[in-house]
Amino acid sequence: MSLRKLIFFKLLELRGQPLTAHYDRFVREDENGIPPDTTNKLLIQLLEHCRQSVPYYAGIMNQLGHSFYKNPEEYLRRFPILTKDILRGRFEDLKSADLQRRKWYFNYTGDIVKCW
């Protein structure tokens, strides 16, 4: 590791942002590839979170059933397209119950969508 990279990572650690472990994992994954089941595991975790914590998606998932454990990608294909009208009309239902504990920010492209 170069001196410049070492100093950069140490400064991040001092700021409470331990990036080194993430960087090392990304380098390993780039060199060795990502295990094939990683995507499915992460999708299942995300869908489980949505089922438990996001009212909009919980409603959809109650209608579709909970078959996402078998094939999460196919399950997601059955979801309706999220439109600006849905974002505007169901904004509160799209918020996760644990939103206040998360670091988050607004990001948008194109037209500004007023959400409040």
N, C-alpha and C. Protein backbone atom coordinates (compact mmCIF):
# COMPACT_ATOMS: atom_id res chain seq x y z
N MET A 1 0.85 -1.17 0.00
CA MET A 1 0.00 0.00 0.00
C MET A 1 0.90 1.23 0.00
N SER A 2 0.57 2.18 -0.86
CA SER A 2 1.38 3.39 -0.96
C SER A 2 1.19 4.25 0.29
N LEU A 3 2.14 5.11 0.54
CA LEU A 3 2.09 6.00 1.70
C LEU A 3 0.86 6.91 1.61
N ARG A 4 0.58 7.40 0.43
CA ARG A 4 -0.57 8.28 0.24
C ARG A 4 -1.88 7.56 0.61
N LYS A 5 -2.02 6.32 0.14
CA LYS A 5 -3.22 5.54 0.43
C LYS A 5 -3.31 5.24 1.93
N LEU A 6 -2.19 4.90 2.53
CA LEU A 6 -2.15 4.60 3.96
C LEU A 6 -2.59 5.82 4.78
N ILE A 7 -2.08 6.99 4.44
CA ILE A 7 -2.45 8.22 5.15
C ILE A 7 -3.94 8.51 4.96
N PHE A 8 -4.42 8.33 3.74
CA PHE A 8 -5.84 8.56 3.45
C PHE A 8 -6.73 7.67 4.31
N PHE A 9 -6.42 6.38 4.36
CA PHE A 9 -7.24 5.46 5.15
C PHE A 9 -7.14 5.76 6.65
N LYS A 10 -5.97 6.13 7.12
CA LYS A 10 -5.82 6.46 8.55
C LYS A 10 -6.61 7.72 8.91
N LEU A 11 -6.62 8.70 8.03
CA LEU A 11 -7.41 9.91 8.28
C LEU A 11 -8.90 9.58 8.34
N LEU A 12 -9.35 8.72 7.46
CA LEU A 12 -10.75 8.30 7.49
C LEU A 12 -11.08 7.58 8.79
N GLU A 13 -10.18 6.72 9.24
CA GLU A 13 -10.40 6.01 10.50
C GLU A 13 -10.49 6.98 11.67
N LEU A 14 -9.63 8.00 11.68
CA LEU A 14 -9.66 9.00 12.75
C LEU A 14 -10.98 9.77 12.75
N ARG A 15 -11.57 9.92 11.58
CA ARG A 15 -12.87 10.61 11.47
C ARG A 15 -14.03 9.67 11.76
N GLY A 16 -13.74 8.42 12.08
CA GLY A 16 -14.80 7.47 12.38
C GLY A 16 -15.39 6.81 11.14
N GLN A 17 -14.64 6.83 10.05
CA GLN A 17 -15.09 6.22 8.80
C GLN A 17 -14.10 5.14 8.37
N PRO A 18 -14.22 3.95 8.95
CA PRO A 18 -13.25 2.89 8.64
C PRO A 18 -13.49 2.30 7.25
N LEU A 19 -12.91 2.92 6.27
CA LEU A 19 -13.11 2.52 4.88
C LEU A 19 -12.21 1.36 4.47
N THR A 20 -11.13 1.14 5.18
CA THR A 20 -10.14 0.14 4.79
C THR A 20 -10.76 -1.24 4.60
N ALA A 21 -11.58 -1.69 5.52
CA ALA A 21 -12.18 -3.02 5.41
C ALA A 21 -13.07 -3.12 4.18
N HIS A 22 -13.84 -2.07 3.91
CA HIS A 22 -14.69 -2.08 2.72
C HIS A 22 -13.85 -2.09 1.44
N TYR A 23 -12.81 -1.28 1.44
CA TYR A 23 -11.93 -1.22 0.27
C TYR A 23 -11.29 -2.58 0.01
N ASP A 24 -10.78 -3.19 1.07
CA ASP A 24 -10.15 -4.51 0.92
C ASP A 24 -11.15 -5.54 0.38
N ARG A 25 -12.39 -5.50 0.88
CA ARG A 25 -13.40 -6.43 0.40
C ARG A 25 -13.70 -6.19 -1.09
N PHE A 26 -13.81 -4.92 -1.48
CA PHE A 26 -14.07 -4.61 -2.89
C PHE A 26 -12.94 -5.09 -3.79
N VAL A 27 -11.71 -4.92 -3.34
CA VAL A 27 -10.56 -5.38 -4.12
C VAL A 27 -10.61 -6.90 -4.26
N ARG A 28 -10.87 -7.61 -3.15
CA ARG A 28 -10.98 -9.08 -3.20
C ARG A 28 -12.09 -9.51 -4.15
N GLU A 29 -13.25 -8.85 -4.05
CA GLU A 29 -14.37 -9.21 -4.92
C GLU A 29 -14.05 -8.92 -6.38
N ASP A 30 -13.32 -7.86 -6.63
CA ASP A 30 -12.93 -7.54 -8.00
C ASP A 30 -11.98 -8.60 -8.55
N GLU A 31 -11.07 -9.05 -7.72
CA GLU A 31 -10.09 -10.04 -8.16
C GLU A 31 -10.69 -11.45 -8.25
N ASN A 32 -11.50 -11.83 -7.26
CA ASN A 32 -12.00 -13.20 -7.18
C ASN A 32 -13.44 -13.38 -7.65
N GLY A 33 -14.14 -12.29 -7.82
CA GLY A 33 -15.55 -12.37 -8.16
C GLY A 33 -16.40 -12.42 -6.90
N ILE A 34 -17.66 -12.13 -7.07
CA ILE A 34 -18.61 -12.15 -5.95
C ILE A 34 -19.28 -13.52 -5.93
N PRO A 35 -19.40 -14.13 -4.77
CA PRO A 35 -20.08 -15.43 -4.71
C PRO A 35 -21.48 -15.34 -5.33
N PRO A 36 -21.88 -16.35 -6.09
CA PRO A 36 -23.14 -16.28 -6.83
C PRO A 36 -24.38 -16.06 -5.98
N ASP A 37 -24.38 -16.53 -4.75
CA ASP A 37 -25.58 -16.39 -3.93
C ASP A 37 -25.66 -15.05 -3.18
N THR A 38 -24.64 -14.20 -3.33
CA THR A 38 -24.62 -12.92 -2.62
C THR A 38 -25.81 -12.05 -2.99
N THR A 39 -26.09 -11.93 -4.28
CA THR A 39 -27.20 -11.08 -4.72
C THR A 39 -28.52 -11.56 -4.14
N ASN A 40 -28.76 -12.86 -4.21
CA ASN A 40 -30.01 -13.39 -3.67
C ASN A 40 -30.12 -13.15 -2.17
N LYS A 41 -29.04 -13.37 -1.44
CA LYS A 41 -29.07 -13.15 0.01
C LYS A 41 -29.39 -11.69 0.35
N LEU A 42 -28.74 -10.77 -0.37
CA LEU A 42 -28.96 -9.35 -0.10
C LEU A 42 -30.37 -8.92 -0.51
N LEU A 43 -30.87 -9.44 -1.62
CA LEU A 43 -32.24 -9.12 -2.03
C LEU A 43 -33.25 -9.64 -1.02
N ILE A 44 -33.02 -10.83 -0.51
CA ILE A 44 -33.92 -11.39 0.50
C ILE A 44 -33.91 -10.52 1.76
N GLN A 45 -32.73 -10.07 2.17
CA GLN A 45 -32.64 -9.19 3.34
C GLN A 45 -33.40 -7.88 3.10
N LEU A 46 -33.24 -7.32 1.91
CA LEU A 46 -33.92 -6.07 1.57
C LEU A 46 -35.44 -6.27 1.55
N LEU A 47 -35.89 -7.35 0.93
CA LEU A 47 -37.32 -7.62 0.87
C LEU A 47 -37.90 -7.88 2.26
N GLU A 48 -37.16 -8.57 3.09
CA GLU A 48 -37.61 -8.81 4.46
C GLU A 48 -37.75 -7.50 5.22
N HIS A 49 -36.77 -6.61 5.04
CA HIS A 49 -36.85 -5.29 5.67
C HIS A 49 -38.09 -4.54 5.18
N CYS A 50 -38.33 -4.56 3.88
CA CYS A 50 -39.49 -3.87 3.31
C CYS A 50 -40.79 -4.44 3.86
N ARG A 51 -40.86 -5.75 3.96
CA ARG A 51 -42.06 -6.41 4.47
C ARG A 51 -42.35 -5.99 5.91
N GLN A 52 -41.29 -5.83 6.69
CA GLN A 52 -41.46 -5.51 8.11
C GLN A 52 -41.56 -4.02 8.40
N SER A 53 -40.94 -3.18 7.54
CA SER A 53 -40.75 -1.78 7.94
C SER A 53 -41.27 -0.72 6.98
N VAL A 54 -41.69 -1.09 5.78
CA VAL A 54 -42.13 -0.09 4.80
C VAL A 54 -43.58 -0.38 4.43
N PRO A 55 -44.52 0.41 4.95
CA PRO A 55 -45.94 0.10 4.75
C PRO A 55 -46.36 -0.08 3.29
N TYR A 56 -45.86 0.75 2.39
CA TYR A 56 -46.24 0.62 0.98
C TYR A 56 -45.88 -0.77 0.45
N TYR A 57 -44.65 -1.17 0.68
CA TYR A 57 -44.20 -2.47 0.18
C TYR A 57 -44.80 -3.63 0.97
N ALA A 58 -45.05 -3.42 2.24
CA ALA A 58 -45.69 -4.47 3.04
C ALA A 58 -47.06 -4.81 2.46
N GLY A 59 -47.80 -3.79 2.04
CA GLY A 59 -49.11 -4.02 1.43
C GLY A 59 -49.01 -4.82 0.14
N ILE A 60 -48.06 -4.45 -0.70
CA ILE A 60 -47.86 -5.17 -1.96
C ILE A 60 -47.47 -6.62 -1.67
N MET A 61 -46.58 -6.79 -0.72
CA MET A 61 -46.08 -8.13 -0.42
C MET A 61 -47.15 -9.01 0.23
N ASN A 62 -48.05 -8.40 0.97
CA ASN A 62 -49.17 -9.18 1.53
C ASN A 62 -50.06 -9.72 0.41
N GLN A 63 -50.22 -8.93 -0.65
CA GLN A 63 -51.02 -9.38 -1.80
C GLN A 63 -50.29 -10.47 -2.60
N LEU A 64 -48.97 -10.31 -2.74
CA LEU A 64 -48.19 -11.25 -3.55
C LEU A 64 -47.83 -12.53 -2.80
N GLY A 65 -47.90 -12.49 -1.49
CA GLY A 65 -47.43 -13.62 -0.69
C GLY A 65 -45.95 -13.45 -0.38
N HIS A 66 -45.40 -14.37 0.34
CA HIS A 66 -44.01 -14.24 0.80
C HIS A 66 -43.11 -15.27 0.14
N SER A 67 -43.27 -15.43 -1.14
CA SER A 67 -42.48 -16.42 -1.88
C SER A 67 -41.12 -15.89 -2.31
N PHE A 68 -40.72 -14.72 -1.82
CA PHE A 68 -39.46 -14.13 -2.26
C PHE A 68 -38.23 -14.90 -1.79
N TYR A 69 -38.38 -15.77 -0.83
CA TYR A 69 -37.23 -16.53 -0.34
C TYR A 69 -36.69 -17.48 -1.41
N LYS A 70 -37.55 -17.98 -2.27
CA LYS A 70 -37.13 -18.93 -3.29
C LYS A 70 -36.42 -18.25 -4.45
N ASN A 71 -37.02 -17.18 -4.97
CA ASN A 71 -36.46 -16.50 -6.13
C ASN A 71 -36.76 -15.01 -6.03
N PRO A 72 -35.92 -14.26 -5.31
CA PRO A 72 -36.21 -12.85 -5.07
C PRO A 72 -36.25 -11.99 -6.34
N GLU A 73 -35.45 -12.33 -7.33
CA GLU A 73 -35.46 -11.55 -8.57
C GLU A 73 -36.80 -11.68 -9.29
N GLU A 74 -37.30 -12.89 -9.39
CA GLU A 74 -38.59 -13.10 -10.04
C GLU A 74 -39.71 -12.45 -9.24
N TYR A 75 -39.61 -12.51 -7.94
CA TYR A 75 -40.60 -11.88 -7.07
C TYR A 75 -40.66 -10.37 -7.32
N LEU A 76 -39.50 -9.73 -7.44
CA LEU A 76 -39.45 -8.29 -7.69
C LEU A 76 -40.09 -7.91 -9.02
N ARG A 77 -40.03 -8.79 -9.99
CA ARG A 77 -40.64 -8.50 -11.30
C ARG A 77 -42.15 -8.33 -11.19
N ARG A 78 -42.73 -8.85 -10.15
CA ARG A 78 -44.18 -8.76 -9.96
C ARG A 78 -44.60 -7.46 -9.27
N PHE A 79 -43.64 -6.67 -8.82
CA PHE A 79 -43.94 -5.39 -8.18
C PHE A 79 -44.39 -4.38 -9.23
N PRO A 80 -45.29 -3.47 -8.84
CA PRO A 80 -45.67 -2.40 -9.77
C PRO A 80 -44.52 -1.40 -9.92
N ILE A 81 -44.51 -0.71 -11.04
CA ILE A 81 -43.51 0.33 -11.28
C ILE A 81 -43.79 1.49 -10.31
N LEU A 82 -42.75 1.99 -9.69
CA LEU A 82 -42.89 3.12 -8.77
C LEU A 82 -42.85 4.41 -9.58
N THR A 83 -43.97 5.10 -9.64
CA THR A 83 -44.10 6.31 -10.44
C THR A 83 -44.01 7.56 -9.56
N LYS A 84 -43.88 8.71 -10.20
CA LYS A 84 -43.87 9.97 -9.45
C LYS A 84 -45.21 10.18 -8.73
N ASP A 85 -46.29 9.77 -9.36
CA ASP A 85 -47.59 9.90 -8.71
C ASP A 85 -47.65 9.08 -7.42
N ILE A 86 -47.11 7.88 -7.47
CA ILE A 86 -47.08 7.06 -6.25
C ILE A 86 -46.17 7.70 -5.21
N LEU A 87 -45.02 8.20 -5.64
CA LEU A 87 -44.13 8.89 -4.70
C LEU A 87 -44.82 10.06 -4.03
N ARG A 88 -45.53 10.83 -4.82
CA ARG A 88 -46.22 12.00 -4.26
C ARG A 88 -47.38 11.59 -3.35
N GLY A 89 -48.15 10.63 -3.79
CA GLY A 89 -49.35 10.26 -3.06
C GLY A 89 -49.14 9.34 -1.87
N ARG A 90 -48.08 8.57 -1.90
CA ARG A 90 -47.86 7.57 -0.85
C ARG A 90 -46.51 7.77 -0.14
N PHE A 91 -46.03 9.00 -0.14
CA PHE A 91 -44.69 9.26 0.38
C PHE A 91 -44.50 8.75 1.80
N GLU A 92 -45.45 9.01 2.67
CA GLU A 92 -45.31 8.57 4.06
C GLU A 92 -45.26 7.05 4.16
N ASP A 93 -46.03 6.37 3.32
CA ASP A 93 -46.04 4.90 3.33
C ASP A 93 -44.75 4.31 2.76
N LEU A 94 -44.01 5.11 2.02
CA LEU A 94 -42.75 4.64 1.44
C LEU A 94 -41.57 4.81 2.39
N LYS A 95 -41.80 5.46 3.51
CA LYS A 95 -40.73 5.66 4.49
C LYS A 95 -40.61 4.43 5.38
N SER A 96 -39.38 4.04 5.63
CA SER A 96 -39.12 2.92 6.52
C SER A 96 -39.39 3.33 7.96
N ALA A 97 -39.88 2.40 8.75
CA ALA A 97 -40.18 2.68 10.16
C ALA A 97 -38.92 3.08 10.93
N ASP A 98 -37.76 2.65 10.47
CA ASP A 98 -36.51 2.97 11.17
C ASP A 98 -35.75 4.12 10.50
N LEU A 99 -36.44 4.94 9.76
CA LEU A 99 -35.81 6.03 9.01
C LEU A 99 -35.01 6.97 9.91
N GLN A 100 -35.51 7.26 11.09
CA GLN A 100 -34.84 8.21 11.97
C GLN A 100 -33.48 7.70 12.46
N ARG A 101 -33.28 6.40 12.44
CA ARG A 101 -32.01 5.83 12.89
C ARG A 101 -31.00 5.72 11.76
N ARG A 102 -31.41 5.99 10.55
CA ARG A 102 -30.53 5.82 9.39
C ARG A 102 -29.94 7.15 8.93
N LYS A 103 -28.78 7.06 8.30
CA LYS A 103 -28.22 8.23 7.63
C LYS A 103 -28.82 8.24 6.23
N TRP A 104 -29.43 9.34 5.84
CA TRP A 104 -30.07 9.39 4.54
C TRP A 104 -30.03 10.82 4.01
N TYR A 105 -30.34 10.96 2.74
CA TYR A 105 -30.37 12.27 2.11
C TYR A 105 -31.29 12.20 0.90
N PHE A 106 -31.75 13.36 0.47
CA PHE A 106 -32.57 13.44 -0.74
C PHE A 106 -31.65 13.53 -1.94
N ASN A 107 -32.03 12.86 -2.99
CA ASN A 107 -31.31 12.93 -4.25
C ASN A 107 -32.36 12.86 -5.35
N TYR A 108 -32.21 13.63 -6.37
CA TYR A 108 -33.19 13.59 -7.44
C TYR A 108 -32.52 13.91 -8.77
N THR A 109 -33.19 13.51 -9.83
CA THR A 109 -32.79 13.88 -11.17
C THR A 109 -34.03 14.38 -11.89
N GLY A 110 -33.85 15.26 -12.81
CA GLY A 110 -35.00 15.75 -13.57
C GLY A 110 -35.85 16.69 -12.75
N ASP A 111 -37.16 16.52 -12.85
CA ASP A 111 -38.10 17.39 -12.15
C ASP A 111 -38.00 17.19 -10.65
N ILE A 112 -38.13 18.28 -9.93
CA ILE A 112 -38.15 18.20 -8.48
C ILE A 112 -39.51 17.66 -8.05
N VAL A 113 -39.50 16.66 -7.21
CA VAL A 113 -40.73 16.07 -6.70
C VAL A 113 -40.91 16.57 -5.28
N LYS A 114 -41.95 17.34 -5.03
CA LYS A 114 -42.20 17.83 -3.68
C LYS A 114 -42.85 16.70 -2.89
N CYS A 115 -42.19 16.29 -1.83
CA CYS A 115 -42.62 15.10 -1.09
C CYS A 115 -43.22 15.42 0.27
N TRP A 116 -43.38 16.63 0.62
CA TRP A 116 -43.91 16.93 1.95
C TRP A 116 -45.06 17.88 1.87
